[in-house]
Amino acid sequence: MIINTLMRRRCPPPVRGAAAEIEVALNDLAVAENRFDQARDPDLVDACTLEVTAAHKRLNYLVRQAKRESGIQITRGCQV
């Protein structure tokens, strides 16, 4: 079971639309956060923290890509 999950994560996902990719990323984030909530061992907590961080970064990347493709201007930081 665990090996199947790991193998699925290593294989690139099929080409999908941006909305579908974001939906998958949101689901992955929810799973990672749930796993973190259930972790009790310090090593597992560390691993789950990295997994949550990675899921956030992937989601942010996909949102930025979707904005670029739709022509929405992306700004970082505060503008004064």
Foldseek 3Di string as FASTA:
>chain_A
DVVVVVVVVVDDDDDDDLVVQLVVLVVQLVVLVVQCVPDDDPVSVVVSVVSNVVSVVSNVVSVVVVCVVVVHDDDDDDDD
